[in-house]
Amino acid sequence: MKIVVAVDSFKGSLSSMEAGRAIQEGIQKASPEANVIVRPLADGGEGTTDALIEGLGGERIELTVTGPLGEPVCACYGYLKETGTAIIEMASAAGITLIPREQRNPLAATTFGVGELIKDAAEKGCRNFIVGIGGSATNDGGIGMLQALGYEFLDENGLKSGQGAQALAGISSISSDHVFPWLSECTFQAACDVTNPLCGKNGATYIYGPQKGVTEEMKPLLDAAMDHFAQITADTFGVSHAAAPGAGAAGGLGFALLSYLNARLTPGIDLILSAVRLEEEMKTADIVITGEGRLDHQTAMGKAPAGVAALAKKYGVKVLAFAGSVTPDARACNSAGIDAYFPIVRGITTLEEALIPENAAQNLTDTTEQVFRLIEALSNERY
C-alpha cells in the first residue's frame, strides 16, 4: 500500500514536515510494510520557505537587506543548491508586519529588499525563483525590487525618481542599461492568490492600500500615479500587463514581476504542489493524507488541504485528513474531495496543552495508527 502524506503546518505547534512524520509513524505502527511518502505543504504565504527548505533539503540563507522604510532588516530565503532554486517570501523583506501600524507610510515603503534577496540568490547560482507575494507593506508598483536589480526610473531631467509610491508619478523614462546580465537567464514563478488588476477601484491602491496606510485622499492620486507608471512601462517595453489578474498583488509587485521579469503568477497551492512534485506521487497512490491545525468551511475554499484533495481526485485516490480541531461546518471539506476527516485531540485538555509540540505529535501519531488499523482490518476482511 502506497500512502502519500502532504499536511499543512499545525500553526503554533508542528511544521508541515513534523506533522507529516508523525502521521508516517502512526501508519507504520499499523501497517509496517506500507510505503509512506511525506511531502511538505504550504500555500505560498507565511511559512512556505521553511516548509520547502525542510521538505526538499534546502538551506536557509539569512542576510541583512533594506527594509520597507529603508531601515536594515534581517531577511531570509530558501536555497536549493541541487536545482538552483530560491524560495523567497517578499514579506520577509517588505512585509507589513515589519512596520508598527502607526509608522506605516505607503508613500515611502519600498520593495528594494526583495530585489536584494533575488540578487543574493542569483549570485549563488540560482536561476529558478519561487516568490510568495502576500503580506506586503508597499504600494510602489515593484519599482524598489526592480531598482535593486539594476533598472533605473528617471524623471524628466534624467535623474533617478526615488523610491516608494511617491516616485511613480514622476517617472518619465526607464533605463535597463545597468540591469544585471544574469537576470535574462532567470525564471520566476509567483505564488499569487488574488486576481486584482493594477489600477482602478478593484486595484492595488483602492483594495489593499488602506491596510498599508493609504487614506481616502491618497487613493485617487496614488492610483493615477500607478496608472502613469504602467503606461510608461507599456511604452518602453511594448506590452501592457496592468489589467492582468494578480497585477495588483502586493502593491503592484505582481505587475512588476509580469512586466519586467516575465513571471508566471500562479495560485499559491498550485505552485507549491508543483514544486514538491506531488502529482507524480499521487498517480500510483492508494491513499492520500492531508490536514491542518483546524478544519472548517474555509478549508474547502481553496486552502492547502483542499488543493491536495483536488489533485488526488484527479487520479481517483481516497483522501483522509487529520486536524487539531474541526468545526461543524467542516463538512464542506467532504464536498471538496476529503473523504473523511478526524480530529486528533484524544481527551480533555486545554488549548495550551494541545499545542505543545510533543503532545500534538503524539496525538497525531496515535489517531493515525487507529485509523490505519481499521483500514488494515477492512482490507483483510477481518470484521
Protein backbone atom coordinates (compact mmCIF):
# COMPACT_ATOMS: atom_id res chain seq x y z
CA MET A 1 0.00 0.00 0.00
CA LYS A 2 1.36 3.39 -1.04
CA ILE A 3 0.34 6.39 1.04
CA VAL A 4 1.22 10.00 0.19
CA VAL A 5 1.20 12.47 3.08
CA ALA A 6 1.04 16.23 2.46
CA VAL A 7 -0.12 18.12 5.54
CA ASP A 8 -0.08 21.86 6.18
CA SER A 9 1.56 23.08 9.36
CA PHE A 10 -0.32 22.91 12.66
CA LYS A 11 0.40 26.55 13.39
CA GLY A 12 1.91 27.19 16.77
CA SER A 13 2.68 23.52 17.19
CA LEU A 14 4.08 21.43 14.30
CA SER A 15 5.69 22.29 10.99
CA SER A 16 4.40 20.65 7.83
CA MET A 17 7.13 18.02 7.85
CA GLU A 18 6.87 17.39 11.61
CA ALA A 19 3.17 16.71 11.21
CA GLY A 20 3.82 14.54 8.18
CA ARG A 21 6.40 12.44 10.01
CA ALA A 22 4.06 11.98 12.99
CA ILE A 23 1.44 10.63 10.59
CA GLN A 24 4.04 8.40 8.95
CA GLU A 25 4.89 6.92 12.35
CA GLY A 26 1.26 6.15 13.05
CA ILE A 27 0.76 4.50 9.68
CA GLN A 28 3.79 2.29 10.08
CA LYS A 29 2.75 1.17 13.55
CA ALA A 30 -0.40 -0.22 12.00
CA SER A 31 0.98 -1.13 8.56
CA PRO A 32 4.75 -1.77 8.79
CA GLU A 33 5.00 -2.70 5.12
CA ALA A 34 3.31 0.48 3.86
CA ASN A 35 5.27 2.73 1.50
CA VAL A 36 4.78 6.19 3.01
CA ILE A 37 5.85 9.28 1.06
CA VAL A 38 5.93 12.56 3.03
CA ARG A 39 5.98 15.88 1.19
CA PRO A 40 5.92 19.44 2.58
CA LEU A 41 2.81 21.53 2.12
CA ALA A 42 2.19 25.27 2.21
CA ASP A 43 0.02 27.77 0.33
CA GLY A 44 2.65 30.28 -0.78
CA GLY A 45 2.17 32.54 2.24
CA GLU A 46 3.94 32.73 5.56
CA GLY A 47 5.86 29.56 6.32
CA THR A 48 6.30 28.47 2.70
CA THR A 49 10.05 29.00 2.72
CA ASP A 50 10.56 26.99 5.89
CA ALA A 51 8.27 24.19 4.68
CA LEU A 52 10.12 23.75 1.40
CA ILE A 53 13.54 24.05 2.97
CA GLU A 54 12.71 21.28 5.43
CA GLY A 55 10.85 19.10 2.97
CA LEU A 56 13.21 19.43 0.00
CA GLY A 57 16.51 19.50 1.86
CA GLY A 58 17.32 23.16 1.25
CA GLU A 59 19.39 25.67 3.13
CA ARG A 60 18.10 28.74 4.95
CA ILE A 61 20.07 31.83 3.92
CA GLU A 62 19.84 34.86 6.19
CA LEU A 63 21.08 38.32 5.25
CA THR A 64 20.51 41.96 6.04
CA VAL A 65 18.54 43.84 3.39
CA THR A 66 16.78 47.17 3.02
CA GLY A 67 13.50 47.08 4.92
CA PRO A 68 10.23 48.61 3.75
CA LEU A 69 11.03 52.03 5.22
CA GLY A 70 14.73 51.93 4.34
CA GLU A 71 15.98 50.54 7.63
CA PRO A 72 18.10 47.36 7.70
CA VAL A 73 16.13 44.18 8.41
CA CYS A 74 17.19 40.56 8.75
CA ALA A 75 15.51 38.57 5.99
CA CYS A 76 15.90 35.06 4.64
CA TYR A 77 15.24 32.83 1.68
CA GLY A 78 15.45 29.14 0.89
CA TYR A 79 18.33 27.88 -1.24
CA LEU A 80 18.00 24.58 -3.08
CA LYS A 81 21.50 24.13 -4.49
CA GLU A 82 20.81 20.97 -6.46
CA THR A 83 18.16 22.61 -8.64
CA GLY A 84 19.45 26.18 -8.46
CA THR A 85 16.19 27.31 -6.92
CA ALA A 86 15.50 30.14 -4.47
CA ILE A 87 12.30 30.31 -2.43
CA ILE A 88 11.51 33.87 -1.40
CA GLU A 89 8.72 35.33 0.70
CA MET A 90 8.56 39.00 -0.16
CA ALA A 91 7.12 39.70 3.29
CA SER A 92 10.48 38.73 4.78
CA ALA A 93 11.95 41.92 3.32
CA ALA A 94 8.96 44.19 2.71
CA GLY A 95 6.16 42.80 4.86
CA ILE A 96 3.52 44.77 6.68
CA THR A 97 4.39 43.06 9.97
CA LEU A 98 7.82 44.73 9.85
CA ILE A 99 6.25 48.14 10.45
CA PRO A 100 4.23 49.22 13.52
CA ARG A 101 0.76 50.38 12.47
CA GLU A 102 1.43 53.99 13.46
CA GLN A 103 4.55 54.12 11.26
CA ARG A 104 3.06 52.73 8.04
CA ASN A 105 3.84 55.02 5.13
CA PRO A 106 2.61 53.90 1.70
CA LEU A 107 4.34 56.82 0.00
CA ALA A 108 7.79 55.74 1.14
CA ALA A 109 7.51 51.96 1.57
CA THR A 110 9.76 50.10 -0.86
CA THR A 111 10.28 46.57 -2.19
CA PHE A 112 14.02 47.20 -2.64
CA GLY A 113 14.90 44.45 -0.14
CA VAL A 114 13.04 41.88 -2.25
CA GLY A 115 15.37 42.65 -5.12
CA GLU A 116 18.34 42.29 -2.80
CA LEU A 117 17.18 38.78 -1.87
CA ILE A 118 16.91 37.87 -5.56
CA LYS A 119 20.36 39.32 -6.24
CA ASP A 120 22.00 37.39 -3.42
CA ALA A 121 20.41 34.13 -4.56
CA ALA A 122 21.39 34.73 -8.18
CA GLU A 123 24.99 35.34 -7.15
CA LYS A 124 24.91 31.90 -5.50
CA GLY A 125 23.88 30.39 -8.82
CA CYS A 126 20.09 30.34 -8.54
CA ARG A 127 18.23 30.78 -11.79
CA ASN A 128 14.82 29.49 -10.70
CA PHE A 129 12.80 31.61 -8.31
CA ILE A 130 9.61 30.86 -6.40
CA VAL A 131 8.30 34.09 -4.88
CA GLY A 132 5.45 34.38 -2.39
CA ILE A 133 3.97 37.85 -2.72
CA GLY A 134 1.48 38.10 0.14
CA GLY A 135 1.55 40.40 3.16
CA SER A 136 3.29 43.44 1.69
CA ALA A 137 3.66 46.87 3.30
CA THR A 138 4.22 48.51 -0.08
CA ASN A 139 2.35 50.25 -2.88
CA ASP A 140 5.35 51.04 -5.08
CA GLY A 141 4.43 49.00 -8.16
CA GLY A 142 7.53 46.89 -7.55
CA ILE A 143 9.98 49.61 -8.61
CA GLY A 144 12.05 49.06 -5.47
CA MET A 145 12.66 45.43 -6.36
CA LEU A 146 13.49 46.42 -9.93
CA GLN A 147 15.88 49.15 -8.81
CA ALA A 148 17.81 46.59 -6.77
CA LEU A 149 18.12 44.52 -9.96
CA GLY A 150 19.56 47.41 -11.95
CA TYR A 151 16.56 49.11 -13.54
CA GLU A 152 16.59 52.90 -13.37
CA PHE A 153 13.43 55.01 -13.25
CA LEU A 154 14.20 58.55 -14.36
CA ASP A 155 12.35 61.86 -14.15
CA GLU A 156 12.05 64.43 -16.92
CA ASN A 157 15.55 65.73 -16.12
CA GLY A 158 17.10 62.30 -16.39
CA LEU A 159 17.56 61.99 -12.63
CA LYS A 160 16.57 58.97 -10.59
CA SER A 161 12.98 59.40 -9.46
CA GLY A 162 13.45 57.92 -5.97
CA GLN A 163 11.71 55.07 -4.18
CA GLY A 164 8.24 54.24 -2.96
CA ALA A 165 4.84 55.16 -4.35
CA GLN A 166 5.79 58.82 -4.15
CA ALA A 167 8.21 58.27 -7.06
CA LEU A 168 5.73 56.76 -9.52
CA ALA A 169 4.12 59.95 -10.80
CA GLY A 170 7.49 61.49 -11.66
CA ILE A 171 8.79 58.66 -13.85
CA SER A 172 9.39 59.85 -17.42
CA SER A 173 11.65 57.11 -18.74
CA ILE A 174 13.06 53.71 -17.84
CA SER A 175 16.63 52.55 -18.37
CA SER A 176 17.71 48.92 -18.39
CA ASP A 177 21.35 49.71 -19.20
CA HIS A 178 22.57 48.56 -15.80
CA VAL A 179 20.33 45.52 -15.28
CA PHE A 180 22.35 42.53 -14.13
CA PRO A 181 23.07 40.32 -17.17
CA TRP A 182 22.15 37.12 -15.31
CA LEU A 183 18.55 38.32 -14.96
CA SER A 184 17.74 37.20 -18.51
CA GLU A 185 18.68 33.63 -17.51
CA CYS A 186 16.23 33.53 -14.60
CA THR A 187 12.70 32.19 -14.44
CA PHE A 188 10.19 33.43 -11.87
CA GLN A 189 7.04 31.84 -10.51
CA ALA A 190 4.98 33.90 -8.10
CA ALA A 191 2.52 32.47 -5.60
CA CYS A 192 -0.44 34.80 -6.03
CA ASP A 193 -3.92 34.17 -4.67
CA VAL A 194 -5.57 37.44 -5.68
CA THR A 195 -6.90 38.44 -9.08
CA ASN A 196 -6.96 42.22 -8.76
CA PRO A 197 -5.70 44.35 -11.65
CA LEU A 198 -3.09 47.02 -11.04
CA CYS A 199 -5.33 50.09 -11.14
CA GLY A 200 -8.92 51.19 -10.63
CA LYS A 201 -11.44 50.64 -7.87
CA ASN A 202 -10.51 46.95 -7.69
CA GLY A 203 -6.80 47.59 -7.98
CA ALA A 204 -3.84 47.60 -5.63
CA THR A 205 -4.35 51.06 -4.14
CA TYR A 206 -8.11 51.03 -3.53
CA ILE A 207 -8.42 47.46 -2.26
CA TYR A 208 -5.20 46.84 -0.34
CA GLY A 209 -3.88 50.36 0.21
CA PRO A 210 -5.92 51.22 3.33
CA GLN A 211 -4.31 48.47 5.43
CA LYS A 212 -0.93 49.96 4.46
CA GLY A 213 -1.86 53.50 5.46
CA VAL A 214 -3.46 54.85 2.27
CA THR A 215 -6.08 57.45 3.17
CA GLU A 216 -9.20 58.31 1.18
CA GLU A 217 -7.47 61.46 -0.06
CA MET A 218 -4.45 59.50 -1.25
CA LYS A 219 -6.37 56.87 -3.21
CA PRO A 220 -7.06 58.76 -6.47
CA LEU A 221 -3.59 60.32 -6.53
CA LEU A 222 -1.72 57.08 -5.92
CA ASP A 223 -3.94 55.16 -8.34
CA ALA A 224 -3.28 57.74 -11.04
CA ALA A 225 0.45 57.53 -10.32
CA MET A 226 0.32 53.75 -10.63
CA ASP A 227 -1.53 54.03 -13.93
CA HIS A 228 1.11 56.50 -15.15
CA PHE A 229 3.86 54.02 -14.26
CA ALA A 230 2.01 51.29 -16.15
CA GLN A 231 1.74 53.50 -19.22
CA ILE A 232 5.45 54.34 -19.19
CA THR A 233 6.22 50.63 -18.79
CA ALA A 234 3.97 49.73 -21.73
CA ASP A 235 5.50 52.47 -23.90
CA THR A 236 9.01 51.24 -23.06
CA PHE A 237 8.53 47.50 -23.49
CA GLY A 238 5.54 47.34 -25.83
CA VAL A 239 3.46 45.10 -23.58
CA SER A 240 0.82 46.03 -21.00
CA HIS A 241 0.06 43.79 -18.02
CA ALA A 242 -1.84 46.33 -15.94
CA ALA A 243 -5.16 44.55 -16.42
CA ALA A 244 -3.79 41.07 -15.83
CA PRO A 245 -5.28 39.13 -12.89
CA GLY A 246 -2.88 39.48 -9.97
CA ALA A 247 -1.09 42.56 -11.31
CA GLY A 248 -2.36 44.45 -8.26
CA ALA A 249 -0.98 41.90 -5.80
CA ALA A 250 1.47 43.15 -3.15
CA GLY A 251 1.01 46.79 -4.06
CA GLY A 252 1.75 46.20 -7.73
CA LEU A 253 4.65 43.81 -7.25
CA GLY A 254 2.65 41.34 -9.35
CA PHE A 255 2.72 43.85 -12.21
CA ALA A 256 6.49 44.29 -11.92
CA LEU A 257 7.05 40.53 -11.94
CA LEU A 258 4.87 40.13 -15.04
CA SER A 259 6.17 43.14 -16.96
CA TYR A 260 9.88 43.07 -16.17
CA LEU A 261 10.71 39.51 -15.10
CA ASN A 262 8.32 37.57 -17.35
CA ALA A 263 6.97 35.77 -14.29
CA ARG A 264 4.05 33.37 -14.10
CA LEU A 265 1.52 34.21 -11.40
CA THR A 266 0.04 31.00 -10.03
CA PRO A 267 -2.31 30.28 -7.11
CA GLY A 268 -0.08 29.54 -4.15
CA ILE A 269 -1.23 25.99 -3.52
CA ASP A 270 -0.86 25.04 -7.20
CA LEU A 271 2.66 26.41 -7.31
CA ILE A 272 3.74 24.56 -4.18
CA LEU A 273 2.16 21.27 -5.24
CA SER A 274 4.10 21.55 -8.49
CA ALA A 275 7.34 22.46 -6.71
CA VAL A 276 7.22 19.38 -4.47
CA ARG A 277 6.18 17.15 -7.41
CA LEU A 278 3.20 15.81 -5.55
CA GLU A 279 1.22 14.88 -8.64
CA GLU A 280 3.77 12.31 -9.76
CA GLU A 281 3.49 10.51 -6.42
CA MET A 282 -0.31 10.60 -6.47
CA LYS A 283 -0.56 8.76 -9.76
CA THR A 284 0.33 5.48 -8.04
CA ALA A 285 -1.02 6.21 -4.54
CA ASP A 286 -3.65 4.17 -2.74
CA ILE A 287 -4.43 6.80 -0.09
CA VAL A 288 -3.56 10.48 0.27
CA ILE A 289 -3.47 12.16 3.67
CA THR A 290 -3.68 15.89 4.24
CA GLY A 291 -4.82 18.24 7.01
CA GLU A 292 -4.00 21.33 9.04
CA GLY A 293 -4.40 22.68 12.55
CA ARG A 294 -8.09 23.48 12.14
CA LEU A 295 -10.52 22.17 9.54
CA ASP A 296 -13.54 24.35 8.82
CA HIS A 297 -15.58 25.56 5.85
CA GLN A 298 -12.74 27.87 4.80
CA THR A 299 -10.51 24.85 4.28
CA ALA A 300 -12.80 23.82 1.43
CA MET A 301 -12.46 27.25 -0.19
CA GLY A 302 -9.05 26.77 -1.77
CA LYS A 303 -6.80 26.28 1.25
CA ALA A 304 -3.88 23.87 1.04
CA PRO A 305 -5.67 20.64 2.11
CA ALA A 306 -8.41 21.27 -0.45
CA GLY A 307 -5.74 21.70 -3.13
CA VAL A 308 -4.23 18.35 -2.19
CA ALA A 309 -7.64 16.70 -2.26
CA ALA A 310 -8.48 18.14 -5.67
CA LEU A 311 -5.23 16.82 -7.09
CA ALA A 312 -5.79 13.38 -5.57
CA LYS A 313 -9.28 13.17 -7.02
CA LYS A 314 -7.80 13.73 -10.47
CA TYR A 315 -6.47 10.19 -10.08
CA GLY A 316 -9.40 8.77 -8.12
CA VAL A 317 -7.43 8.42 -4.89
CA LYS A 318 -9.15 8.32 -1.49
CA VAL A 319 -8.29 11.27 0.76
CA LEU A 320 -8.17 11.38 4.56
CA ALA A 321 -7.47 14.44 6.68
CA PHE A 322 -6.32 15.00 10.25
CA ALA A 323 -6.68 18.22 12.19
CA GLY A 324 -6.11 19.58 15.66
CA SER A 325 -9.76 20.58 15.72
CA VAL A 326 -12.76 20.50 13.39
CA THR A 327 -15.84 22.71 13.31
CA PRO A 328 -19.42 21.68 12.49
CA ASP A 329 -19.18 23.40 9.11
CA ALA A 330 -16.09 21.35 8.22
CA ARG A 331 -18.47 19.02 6.40
CA ALA A 332 -17.85 21.27 3.42
CA CYS A 333 -14.48 19.53 3.18
CA ASN A 334 -16.24 16.31 2.17
CA SER A 335 -17.63 18.07 -0.88
CA ALA A 336 -14.14 19.39 -1.62
CA GLY A 337 -12.70 15.91 -2.02
CA ILE A 338 -11.76 14.93 1.53
CA ASP A 339 -13.49 11.59 2.02
CA ALA A 340 -13.19 11.58 5.81
CA TYR A 341 -11.50 13.73 8.43
CA PHE A 342 -10.51 13.13 12.04
CA PRO A 343 -9.75 15.45 14.97
CA ILE A 344 -6.68 14.29 16.88
CA VAL A 345 -7.32 15.59 20.42
CA ARG A 346 -7.97 12.45 22.43
CA GLY A 347 -9.03 13.71 25.82
CA ILE A 348 -9.99 16.72 27.91
CA THR A 349 -7.21 19.27 27.60
CA THR A 350 -6.50 22.98 27.44
CA LEU A 351 -5.55 24.65 24.17
CA GLU A 352 -2.11 25.37 25.57
CA GLU A 353 -1.57 21.68 26.37
CA ALA A 354 -2.85 20.58 22.96
CA LEU A 355 -0.41 22.94 21.21
CA ILE A 356 2.68 21.60 22.96
CA PRO A 357 4.58 20.04 20.02
CA GLU A 358 5.24 16.74 21.77
CA ASN A 359 1.54 16.37 22.66
CA ALA A 360 0.36 17.31 19.19
CA ALA A 361 2.76 14.87 17.53
CA GLN A 362 1.75 12.03 19.84
CA ASN A 363 -1.95 12.72 19.32
CA LEU A 364 -1.43 12.78 15.57
CA THR A 365 0.52 9.53 15.60
CA ASP A 366 -1.95 7.73 17.87
CA THR A 367 -5.01 8.82 15.90
CA THR A 368 -3.41 7.88 12.60
CA GLU A 369 -2.44 4.47 13.97
CA GLN A 370 -6.03 3.63 14.93
CA VAL A 371 -7.44 4.81 11.59
CA PHE A 372 -4.96 2.60 9.73
CA ARG A 373 -5.60 -0.36 11.99
CA LEU A 374 -9.21 -0.10 10.83
CA ILE A 375 -8.10 0.17 7.20
CA GLU A 376 -5.90 -2.90 7.63
CA ALA A 377 -8.74 -4.83 9.25
CA LEU A 378 -11.18 -3.96 6.48
CA SER A 379 -8.69 -4.71 3.72
CA ASN A 380 -8.10 -8.15 5.26
CA GLU A 381 -11.85 -8.64 5.71
CA ARG A 382 -11.49 -9.05 9.48
CA TYR A 383 -14.76 -7.56 10.75
